All heavy atoms as atom14 arrays in JSON, in Angstrom:
{
  "sequence": "LKDFDVLIYADWLDENLPKDKSDLTTKQLQEKIQENKKFIFLATE",
  "atom14_mask": [
    [1, 1, 1, 1, 1, 1, 1, 1, 0, 0, 0, 0, 0, 0],
    [1, 1, 1, 1, 1, 1, 1, 1, 1, 0, 0, 0, 0, 0],
    [1, 1, 1, 1, 1, 1, 1, 1, 0, 0, 0, 0, 0, 0],
    [1, 1, 1, 1, 1, 1, 1, 1, 1, 1, 1, 0, 0, 0],
    [1, 1, 1, 1, 1, 1, 1, 1, 0, 0, 0, 0, 0, 0],
    [1, 1, 1, 1, 1, 1, 1, 0, 0, 0, 0, 0, 0, 0],
    [1, 1, 1, 1, 1, 1, 1, 1, 0, 0, 0, 0, 0, 0],
    [1, 1, 1, 1, 1, 1, 1, 1, 0, 0, 0, 0, 0, 0],
    [1, 1, 1, 1, 1, 1, 1, 1, 1, 1, 1, 1, 0, 0],
    [1, 1, 1, 1, 1, 0, 0, 0, 0, 0, 0, 0, 0, 0],
    [1, 1, 1, 1, 1, 1, 1, 1, 0, 0, 0, 0, 0, 0],
    [1, 1, 1, 1, 1, 1, 1, 1, 1, 1, 1, 1, 1, 1],
    [1, 1, 1, 1, 1, 1, 1, 1, 0, 0, 0, 0, 0, 0],
    [1, 1, 1, 1, 1, 1, 1, 1, 0, 0, 0, 0, 0, 0],
    [1, 1, 1, 1, 1, 1, 1, 1, 1, 0, 0, 0, 0, 0],
    [1, 1, 1, 1, 1, 1, 1, 1, 0, 0, 0, 0, 0, 0],
    [1, 1, 1, 1, 1, 1, 1, 1, 0, 0, 0, 0, 0, 0],
    [1, 1, 1, 1, 1, 1, 1, 0, 0, 0, 0, 0, 0, 0],
    [1, 1, 1, 1, 1, 1, 1, 1, 1, 0, 0, 0, 0, 0],
    [1, 1, 1, 1, 1, 1, 1, 1, 0, 0, 0, 0, 0, 0],
    [1, 1, 1, 1, 1, 1, 1, 1, 1, 0, 0, 0, 0, 0],
    [1, 1, 1, 1, 1, 1, 0, 0, 0, 0, 0, 0, 0, 0],
    [1, 1, 1, 1, 1, 1, 1, 1, 0, 0, 0, 0, 0, 0],
    [1, 1, 1, 1, 1, 1, 1, 1, 0, 0, 0, 0, 0, 0],
    [1, 1, 1, 1, 1, 1, 1, 0, 0, 0, 0, 0, 0, 0],
    [1, 1, 1, 1, 1, 1, 1, 0, 0, 0, 0, 0, 0, 0],
    [1, 1, 1, 1, 1, 1, 1, 1, 1, 0, 0, 0, 0, 0],
    [1, 1, 1, 1, 1, 1, 1, 1, 1, 0, 0, 0, 0, 0],
    [1, 1, 1, 1, 1, 1, 1, 1, 0, 0, 0, 0, 0, 0],
    [1, 1, 1, 1, 1, 1, 1, 1, 1, 0, 0, 0, 0, 0],
    [1, 1, 1, 1, 1, 1, 1, 1, 1, 0, 0, 0, 0, 0],
    [1, 1, 1, 1, 1, 1, 1, 1, 1, 0, 0, 0, 0, 0],
    [1, 1, 1, 1, 1, 1, 1, 1, 0, 0, 0, 0, 0, 0],
    [1, 1, 1, 1, 1, 1, 1, 1, 1, 0, 0, 0, 0, 0],
    [1, 1, 1, 1, 1, 1, 1, 1, 1, 0, 0, 0, 0, 0],
    [1, 1, 1, 1, 1, 1, 1, 1, 0, 0, 0, 0, 0, 0],
    [1, 1, 1, 1, 1, 1, 1, 1, 1, 0, 0, 0, 0, 0],
    [1, 1, 1, 1, 1, 1, 1, 1, 1, 0, 0, 0, 0, 0],
    [1, 1, 1, 1, 1, 1, 1, 1, 1, 1, 1, 0, 0, 0],
    [1, 1, 1, 1, 1, 1, 1, 1, 0, 0, 0, 0, 0, 0],
    [1, 1, 1, 1, 1, 1, 1, 1, 1, 1, 1, 0, 0, 0],
    [1, 1, 1, 1, 1, 1, 1, 1, 0, 0, 0, 0, 0, 0],
    [1, 1, 1, 1, 1, 0, 0, 0, 0, 0, 0, 0, 0, 0],
    [1, 1, 1, 1, 1, 1, 1, 0, 0, 0, 0, 0, 0, 0],
    [1, 1, 1, 1, 1, 1, 1, 1, 1, 0, 0, 0, 0, 0]
  ],
  "atom14_positions": [
    [[-11.74, 9.36, 1.52], [-11.68, 8.61, 0.26], [-12.77, 7.63, 0.19], [-13.29, 7.29, -0.87], [-10.47, 7.98, 0.09], [-9.17, 8.82, -0.2], [-7.87, 8.15, -0.16], [-9.36, 9.63, -1.57], [0.0, 0.0, 0.0], [0.0, 0.0, 0.0], [0.0, 0.0, 0.0], [0.0, 0.0, 0.0], [0.0, 0.0, 0.0], [0.0, 0.0, 0.0]],
    [[-13.27, 7.06, 1.26], [-14.31, 6.08, 1.28], [-15.63, 6.65, 0.75], [-16.47, 5.91, 0.23], [-14.56, 5.49, 2.69], [-13.46, 4.49, 3.06], [-13.74, 3.94, 4.56], [-15.2, 3.79, 4.72], [-15.53, 3.36, 6.11], [0.0, 0.0, 0.0], [0.0, 0.0, 0.0], [0.0, 0.0, 0.0], [0.0, 0.0, 0.0], [0.0, 0.0, 0.0]],
    [[-15.85, 7.94, 0.84], [-17.0, 8.61, 0.21], [-17.05, 8.42, -1.24], [-18.11, 8.7, -1.91], [-17.07, 10.08, 0.64], [-17.5, 10.28, 2.03], [-17.95, 9.43, 2.65], [-17.24, 11.42, 2.54], [0.0, 0.0, 0.0], [0.0, 0.0, 0.0], [0.0, 0.0, 0.0], [0.0, 0.0, 0.0], [0.0, 0.0, 0.0], [0.0, 0.0, 0.0]],
    [[-15.97, 8.01, -1.8], [-15.87, 7.8, -3.35], [-15.9, 6.33, -3.71], [-15.69, 5.96, -4.83], [-14.6, 8.41, -3.88], [-14.64, 10.0, -3.6], [-14.0, 10.47, -2.41], [-15.17, 10.79, -4.51], [-14.05, 11.84, -2.22], [-15.16, 12.18, -4.3], [-14.66, 12.69, -3.11], [0.0, 0.0, 0.0], [0.0, 0.0, 0.0], [0.0, 0.0, 0.0]],
    [[-16.52, 5.5, -2.78], [-16.68, 4.04, -3.03], [-15.4, 3.38, -3.62], [-15.44, 2.66, -4.68], [-17.8, 3.85, -3.98], [-19.11, 4.15, -3.35], [-19.24, 3.94, -2.15], [-20.15, 4.5, -4.09], [0.0, 0.0, 0.0], [0.0, 0.0, 0.0], [0.0, 0.0, 0.0], [0.0, 0.0, 0.0], [0.0, 0.0, 0.0], [0.0, 0.0, 0.0]],
    [[-14.33, 3.59, -2.79], [-13.05, 2.95, -3.24], [-12.65, 2.03, -2.14], [-13.02, 2.11, -1.0], [-11.89, 3.98, -3.54], [-12.2, 4.89, -4.72], [-11.56, 4.82, -2.34], [0.0, 0.0, 0.0], [0.0, 0.0, 0.0], [0.0, 0.0, 0.0], [0.0, 0.0, 0.0], [0.0, 0.0, 0.0], [0.0, 0.0, 0.0], [0.0, 0.0, 0.0]],
    [[-11.8, 1.05, -2.53], [-11.25, 0.03, -1.58], [-9.79, 0.49, -1.48], [-9.03, 0.59, -2.42], [-11.34, -1.3, -2.05], [-10.74, -2.43, -1.23], [-11.38, -2.41, 0.14], [-10.75, -3.74, -1.81], [0.0, 0.0, 0.0], [0.0, 0.0, 0.0], [0.0, 0.0, 0.0], [0.0, 0.0, 0.0], [0.0, 0.0, 0.0], [0.0, 0.0, 0.0]],
    [[-9.4, 0.79, -0.16], [-8.08, 1.3, 0.01], [-7.15, 0.28, 0.6], [-7.55, -0.48, 1.58], [-8.14, 2.58, 1.04], [-9.07, 3.59, 0.37], [-6.81, 3.09, 1.37], [-9.54, 4.59, 1.36], [0.0, 0.0, 0.0], [0.0, 0.0, 0.0], [0.0, 0.0, 0.0], [0.0, 0.0, 0.0], [0.0, 0.0, 0.0], [0.0, 0.0, 0.0]],
    [[-5.94, 0.15, 0.0], [-4.89, -0.57, 0.58], [-3.88, 0.32, 1.33], [-3.44, 1.27, 0.67], [-4.19, -1.45, -0.53], [-2.93, -2.14, 0.12], [-3.07, -3.29, 0.77], [-1.63, -1.5, 0.0], [-1.93, -3.98, 1.3], [-0.65, -2.14, 0.53], [-0.71, -3.34, 1.2], [0.39, -3.98, 1.69], [0.0, 0.0, 0.0], [0.0, 0.0, 0.0]],
    [[-3.66, 0.07, 2.54], [-2.68, 0.78, 3.31], [-1.7, -0.26, 3.96], [-2.26, -1.11, 4.68], [-3.32, 1.69, 4.37], [0.0, 0.0, 0.0], [0.0, 0.0, 0.0], [0.0, 0.0, 0.0], [0.0, 0.0, 0.0], [0.0, 0.0, 0.0], [0.0, 0.0, 0.0], [0.0, 0.0, 0.0], [0.0, 0.0, 0.0], [0.0, 0.0, 0.0]],
    [[-0.45, -0.11, 3.76], [0.42, -1.22, 4.13], [0.46, -1.44, 5.71], [0.67, -2.52, 6.16], [1.87, -1.0, 3.65], [2.5, 0.28, 4.05], [1.93, 1.05, 4.85], [3.64, 0.6, 3.57], [0.0, 0.0, 0.0], [0.0, 0.0, 0.0], [0.0, 0.0, 0.0], [0.0, 0.0, 0.0], [0.0, 0.0, 0.0], [0.0, 0.0, 0.0]],
    [[0.1, -0.38, 6.45], [0.09, -0.52, 7.93], [-0.91, -1.57, 8.35], [-0.79, -2.26, 9.27], [-0.21, 0.76, 8.57], [-0.16, 0.8, 9.97], [0.94, 0.9, 10.86], [-1.27, 0.57, 10.92], [0.55, 0.77, 12.19], [-0.83, 0.66, 12.2], [-2.69, 0.5, 10.75], [-1.74, 0.54, 13.32], [-3.5, 0.26, 11.84], [-2.95, 0.43, 13.12]],
    [[-2.0, -1.74, 7.49], [-3.05, -2.68, 7.82], [-2.81, -4.06, 7.26], [-3.63, -5.0, 7.48], [-4.38, -2.05, 7.28], [-4.79, -0.77, 7.74], [-5.91, -0.19, 6.96], [-5.0, -0.75, 9.23], [0.0, 0.0, 0.0], [0.0, 0.0, 0.0], [0.0, 0.0, 0.0], [0.0, 0.0, 0.0], [0.0, 0.0, 0.0], [0.0, 0.0, 0.0]],
    [[-1.78, -4.25, 6.52], [-1.41, -5.51, 5.93], [-0.46, -6.3, 6.86], [0.64, -6.05, 6.91], [-0.74, -5.33, 4.6], [-0.46, -6.64, 3.76], [-0.68, -7.67, 4.38], [-0.22, -6.5, 2.6], [0.0, 0.0, 0.0], [0.0, 0.0, 0.0], [0.0, 0.0, 0.0], [0.0, 0.0, 0.0], [0.0, 0.0, 0.0], [0.0, 0.0, 0.0]],
    [[-1.09, -7.33, 7.51], [-0.4, -8.12, 8.39], [0.7, -9.01, 7.75], [1.56, -9.55, 8.37], [-1.35, -8.96, 9.31], [-2.19, -8.15, 10.17], [-3.41, -8.91, 10.71], [-3.58, -10.03, 10.44], [-4.13, -8.21, 11.44], [0.0, 0.0, 0.0], [0.0, 0.0, 0.0], [0.0, 0.0, 0.0], [0.0, 0.0, 0.0], [0.0, 0.0, 0.0]],
    [[0.58, -9.3, 6.47], [1.5, -10.1, 5.67], [2.75, -9.29, 5.18], [3.72, -9.94, 4.76], [0.81, -10.76, 4.44], [-0.34, -11.66, 4.98], [-0.21, -12.41, 5.91], [-1.39, -11.55, 4.25], [0.0, 0.0, 0.0], [0.0, 0.0, 0.0], [0.0, 0.0, 0.0], [0.0, 0.0, 0.0], [0.0, 0.0, 0.0], [0.0, 0.0, 0.0]],
    [[2.66, -8.04, 5.27], [3.84, -7.24, 4.78], [4.84, -7.15, 5.9], [4.53, -6.7, 7.07], [3.33, -5.84, 4.4], [4.31, -4.96, 3.72], [4.68, -5.43, 2.36], [3.86, -3.5, 3.67], [0.0, 0.0, 0.0], [0.0, 0.0, 0.0], [0.0, 0.0, 0.0], [0.0, 0.0, 0.0], [0.0, 0.0, 0.0], [0.0, 0.0, 0.0]],
    [[6.16, -7.43, 5.61], [7.14, -7.26, 6.71], [7.26, -5.86, 7.12], [7.07, -5.01, 6.31], [8.42, -7.85, 6.04], [7.97, -8.6, 4.86], [6.66, -8.09, 4.4], [0.0, 0.0, 0.0], [0.0, 0.0, 0.0], [0.0, 0.0, 0.0], [0.0, 0.0, 0.0], [0.0, 0.0, 0.0], [0.0, 0.0, 0.0], [0.0, 0.0, 0.0]],
    [[7.58, -5.71, 8.36], [7.61, -4.32, 8.95], [9.04, -3.62, 8.67], [9.11, -2.49, 8.79], [7.28, -4.26, 10.42], [5.87, -4.7, 10.67], [4.93, -3.92, 10.04], [3.44, -4.41, 10.29], [2.46, -4.08, 9.29], [0.0, 0.0, 0.0], [0.0, 0.0, 0.0], [0.0, 0.0, 0.0], [0.0, 0.0, 0.0], [0.0, 0.0, 0.0]],
    [[10.02, -4.5, 8.29], [11.29, -3.94, 7.97], [11.39, -3.55, 6.56], [10.51, -3.63, 5.72], [12.42, -4.99, 8.25], [12.29, -6.23, 7.34], [11.26, -6.35, 6.66], [13.21, -6.98, 7.41], [0.0, 0.0, 0.0], [0.0, 0.0, 0.0], [0.0, 0.0, 0.0], [0.0, 0.0, 0.0], [0.0, 0.0, 0.0], [0.0, 0.0, 0.0]],
    [[12.47, -2.91, 6.11], [12.71, -2.43, 4.78], [13.57, -3.31, 4.0], [14.55, -2.89, 3.49], [13.15, -0.93, 4.86], [12.12, -0.03, 5.38], [12.59, 1.39, 5.65], [11.55, 2.13, 6.26], [11.96, 3.28, 7.05], [0.0, 0.0, 0.0], [0.0, 0.0, 0.0], [0.0, 0.0, 0.0], [0.0, 0.0, 0.0], [0.0, 0.0, 0.0]],
    [[13.19, -4.53, 3.88], [14.06, -5.58, 3.24], [13.59, -5.76, 1.81], [12.67, -5.09, 1.3], [13.85, -6.9, 3.89], [12.51, -7.38, 3.8], [0.0, 0.0, 0.0], [0.0, 0.0, 0.0], [0.0, 0.0, 0.0], [0.0, 0.0, 0.0], [0.0, 0.0, 0.0], [0.0, 0.0, 0.0], [0.0, 0.0, 0.0], [0.0, 0.0, 0.0]],
    [[14.34, -6.6, 1.07], [14.04, -6.9, -0.38], [12.65, -7.51, -0.44], [11.95, -7.24, -1.37], [15.08, -7.83, -0.88], [16.43, -7.1, -1.12], [16.46, -5.9, -1.21], [17.45, -7.83, -1.37], [0.0, 0.0, 0.0], [0.0, 0.0, 0.0], [0.0, 0.0, 0.0], [0.0, 0.0, 0.0], [0.0, 0.0, 0.0], [0.0, 0.0, 0.0]],
    [[12.26, -8.38, 0.53], [10.92, -8.95, 0.55], [9.84, -7.83, 0.67], [8.84, -7.9, -0.01], [10.83, -9.86, 1.66], [9.49, -10.7, 1.79], [9.18, -11.41, 0.5], [9.51, -11.61, 2.97], [0.0, 0.0, 0.0], [0.0, 0.0, 0.0], [0.0, 0.0, 0.0], [0.0, 0.0, 0.0], [0.0, 0.0, 0.0], [0.0, 0.0, 0.0]],
    [[10.09, -6.91, 1.54], [9.12, -5.76, 1.7], [9.01, -5.05, 0.34], [7.95, -4.73, -0.07], [9.62, -4.79, 2.77], [9.83, -5.48, 3.96], [8.56, -3.7, 3.01], [0.0, 0.0, 0.0], [0.0, 0.0, 0.0], [0.0, 0.0, 0.0], [0.0, 0.0, 0.0], [0.0, 0.0, 0.0], [0.0, 0.0, 0.0], [0.0, 0.0, 0.0]],
    [[10.18, -4.74, -0.35], [10.13, -4.11, -1.64], [9.28, -4.81, -2.66], [8.5, -4.28, -3.31], [11.69, -3.91, -2.13], [12.2, -3.13, -1.14], [11.62, -3.15, -3.44], [0.0, 0.0, 0.0], [0.0, 0.0, 0.0], [0.0, 0.0, 0.0], [0.0, 0.0, 0.0], [0.0, 0.0, 0.0], [0.0, 0.0, 0.0], [0.0, 0.0, 0.0]],
    [[9.52, -6.14, -2.71], [8.86, -7.05, -3.65], [7.31, -6.9, -3.42], [6.54, -6.88, -4.3], [9.38, -8.39, -3.53], [8.9, -9.33, -4.58], [9.49, -10.71, -4.53], [9.14, -11.67, -5.53], [7.79, -12.21, -5.56], [0.0, 0.0, 0.0], [0.0, 0.0, 0.0], [0.0, 0.0, 0.0], [0.0, 0.0, 0.0], [0.0, 0.0, 0.0]],
    [[6.95, -7.14, -2.14], [5.53, -7.1, -1.81], [4.86, -5.76, -2.07], [3.72, -5.69, -2.52], [5.27, -7.56, -0.45], [5.67, -9.09, -0.24], [5.35, -9.57, 1.18], [4.94, -8.76, 2.0], [5.55, -10.84, 1.39], [0.0, 0.0, 0.0], [0.0, 0.0, 0.0], [0.0, 0.0, 0.0], [0.0, 0.0, 0.0], [0.0, 0.0, 0.0]],
    [[5.61, -4.68, -1.78], [5.06, -3.31, -2.12], [4.86, -3.16, -3.59], [3.89, -2.59, -3.96], [6.05, -2.22, -1.6], [5.93, -1.93, -0.03], [6.97, -0.91, 0.33], [4.49, -1.44, 0.32], [0.0, 0.0, 0.0], [0.0, 0.0, 0.0], [0.0, 0.0, 0.0], [0.0, 0.0, 0.0], [0.0, 0.0, 0.0], [0.0, 0.0, 0.0]],
    [[5.87, -3.65, -4.43], [5.7, -3.53, -5.86], [4.45, -4.26, -6.32], [3.74, -3.73, -7.12], [6.92, -4.12, -6.59], [8.2, -3.24, -6.52], [9.41, -3.97, -6.99], [9.64, -5.19, -6.81], [10.28, -3.16, -7.66], [0.0, 0.0, 0.0], [0.0, 0.0, 0.0], [0.0, 0.0, 0.0], [0.0, 0.0, 0.0], [0.0, 0.0, 0.0]],
    [[4.23, -5.42, -5.76], [3.04, -6.17, -6.07], [1.82, -5.49, -5.75], [0.84, -5.44, -6.59], [3.13, -7.54, -5.51], [4.19, -8.53, -6.0], [4.41, -9.72, -5.27], [3.66, -10.03, -4.18], [5.25, -10.53, -5.59], [0.0, 0.0, 0.0], [0.0, 0.0, 0.0], [0.0, 0.0, 0.0], [0.0, 0.0, 0.0], [0.0, 0.0, 0.0]],
    [[1.81, -4.88, -4.56], [0.59, -4.21, -4.05], [0.3, -2.95, -4.91], [-0.88, -2.65, -5.27], [0.61, -3.82, -2.58], [0.6, -5.08, -1.71], [-0.79, -5.8, -1.82], [-0.83, -7.03, -0.92], [-2.05, -7.78, -1.03], [0.0, 0.0, 0.0], [0.0, 0.0, 0.0], [0.0, 0.0, 0.0], [0.0, 0.0, 0.0], [0.0, 0.0, 0.0]],
    [[1.31, -2.28, -5.23], [1.18, -1.1, -6.06], [0.53, -1.43, -7.48], [-0.3, -0.8, -8.01], [2.49, -0.27, -6.26], [2.89, 0.32, -4.81], [2.44, 0.78, -7.32], [4.31, 0.96, -4.88], [0.0, 0.0, 0.0], [0.0, 0.0, 0.0], [0.0, 0.0, 0.0], [0.0, 0.0, 0.0], [0.0, 0.0, 0.0], [0.0, 0.0, 0.0]],
    [[1.06, -2.51, -7.92], [0.66, -3.0, -9.27], [-0.77, -3.52, -9.18], [-1.57, -3.32, -10.21], [1.61, -4.18, -9.73], [1.27, -4.68, -11.11], [1.64, -3.77, -12.16], [2.58, -3.08, -12.11], [0.72, -3.59, -13.22], [0.0, 0.0, 0.0], [0.0, 0.0, 0.0], [0.0, 0.0, 0.0], [0.0, 0.0, 0.0], [0.0, 0.0, 0.0]],
    [[-1.13, -4.21, -8.13], [-2.53, -4.8, -8.01], [-3.56, -3.74, -7.9], [-4.66, -3.93, -8.36], [-2.57, -5.67, -6.68], [-1.89, -6.95, -6.75], [-1.87, -7.61, -5.38], [-2.65, -7.23, -4.49], [-1.1, -8.55, -5.18], [0.0, 0.0, 0.0], [0.0, 0.0, 0.0], [0.0, 0.0, 0.0], [0.0, 0.0, 0.0], [0.0, 0.0, 0.0]],
    [[-3.26, -2.58, -7.3], [-4.25, -1.55, -7.05], [-4.32, -0.58, -8.27], [-3.29, -0.32, -8.9], [-3.96, -0.69, -5.87], [-4.16, -1.54, -4.57], [-5.36, -1.6, -4.16], [-3.2, -2.2, -4.01], [0.0, 0.0, 0.0], [0.0, 0.0, 0.0], [0.0, 0.0, 0.0], [0.0, 0.0, 0.0], [0.0, 0.0, 0.0], [0.0, 0.0, 0.0]],
    [[-5.52, -0.27, -8.69], [-5.74, 0.55, -9.84], [-5.09, 1.92, -9.8], [-4.58, 2.44, -10.69], [-7.22, 0.7, -10.13], [-7.62, 1.43, -11.42], [-8.97, 1.45, -11.74], [-9.2, 2.27, -13.04], [-10.66, 2.34, -13.36], [0.0, 0.0, 0.0], [0.0, 0.0, 0.0], [0.0, 0.0, 0.0], [0.0, 0.0, 0.0], [0.0, 0.0, 0.0]],
    [[-5.31, 2.55, -8.54], [-4.77, 3.95, -8.34], [-3.77, 3.98, -7.24], [-3.73, 3.17, -6.36], [-5.92, 4.96, -8.1], [-7.0, 4.93, -9.17], [-6.56, 5.72, -10.39], [-7.61, 5.87, -11.37], [-7.27, 6.49, -12.68], [0.0, 0.0, 0.0], [0.0, 0.0, 0.0], [0.0, 0.0, 0.0], [0.0, 0.0, 0.0], [0.0, 0.0, 0.0]],
    [[-2.95, 5.1, -7.21], [-1.97, 5.27, -6.18], [-2.16, 6.69, -5.67], [-2.07, 7.6, -6.49], [-0.64, 5.06, -6.73], [0.53, 5.24, -5.74], [1.08, 4.15, -5.04], [1.02, 6.46, -5.47], [2.13, 4.4, -4.13], [2.02, 6.7, -4.49], [2.51, 5.62, -3.83], [0.0, 0.0, 0.0], [0.0, 0.0, 0.0], [0.0, 0.0, 0.0]],
    [[-2.29, 6.84, -4.45], [-2.4, 8.24, -3.85], [-1.44, 8.32, -2.76], [-1.23, 7.53, -1.82], [-3.83, 8.44, -3.21], [-4.86, 8.45, -4.36], [-3.84, 9.78, -2.46], [-6.33, 8.59, -3.85], [0.0, 0.0, 0.0], [0.0, 0.0, 0.0], [0.0, 0.0, 0.0], [0.0, 0.0, 0.0], [0.0, 0.0, 0.0], [0.0, 0.0, 0.0]],
    [[-0.59, 9.5, -2.86], [0.4, 9.84, -1.73], [-0.06, 10.83, -0.98], [-0.46, 11.96, -1.36], [1.62, 10.28, -2.57], [2.84, 10.72, -1.6], [3.41, 9.9, -0.79], [3.24, 12.07, -1.66], [4.42, 10.26, 0.03], [4.28, 12.54, -0.88], [4.88, 11.6, 0.0], [0.0, 0.0, 0.0], [0.0, 0.0, 0.0], [0.0, 0.0, 0.0]],
    [[-0.28, 10.46, 0.41], [-0.74, 11.45, 1.35], [0.39, 12.3, 1.72], [1.29, 11.94, 2.49], [-1.31, 10.64, 2.59], [-1.95, 11.46, 3.67], [-3.17, 12.28, 3.2], [-2.35, 10.54, 4.83], [0.0, 0.0, 0.0], [0.0, 0.0, 0.0], [0.0, 0.0, 0.0], [0.0, 0.0, 0.0], [0.0, 0.0, 0.0], [0.0, 0.0, 0.0]],
    [[0.51, 13.49, 1.14], [1.7, 14.35, 1.24], [1.59, 15.33, 2.46], [1.31, 16.44, 2.27], [1.87, 15.11, -0.16], [0.0, 0.0, 0.0], [0.0, 0.0, 0.0], [0.0, 0.0, 0.0], [0.0, 0.0, 0.0], [0.0, 0.0, 0.0], [0.0, 0.0, 0.0], [0.0, 0.0, 0.0], [0.0, 0.0, 0.0], [0.0, 0.0, 0.0]],
    [[1.86, 14.83, 3.52], [2.04, 15.61, 4.69], [3.43, 16.1, 4.74], [4.22, 15.57, 3.97], [1.79, 14.84, 6.0], [2.71, 13.78, 6.07], [0.29, 14.2, 6.05], [0.0, 0.0, 0.0], [0.0, 0.0, 0.0], [0.0, 0.0, 0.0], [0.0, 0.0, 0.0], [0.0, 0.0, 0.0], [0.0, 0.0, 0.0], [0.0, 0.0, 0.0]],
    [[3.7, 17.14, 5.55], [5.15, 17.58, 5.6], [6.11, 16.51, 6.02], [7.12, 16.29, 5.37], [5.25, 18.67, 6.68], [4.45, 20.0, 6.2], [4.62, 21.11, 7.19], [5.68, 21.62, 7.49], [3.49, 21.61, 7.66], [0.0, 0.0, 0.0], [0.0, 0.0, 0.0], [0.0, 0.0, 0.0], [0.0, 0.0, 0.0], [0.0, 0.0, 0.0]]
  ]
}
C-alpha cells in the first residue's frame, strides 16, 4: 500500500490502544476508523 502514497494506521503499532477488547478499546477503534479516510480489511483466511 505504501507504493500508493498513503499513511497507514494499524492498531498493532498504536501503543496508546489497549490490547484487551474492552469498551475503551472499542471507543478508540471507532475514533481511529473515523479519523482515517479509507478502511481496508486484509482478508486472509
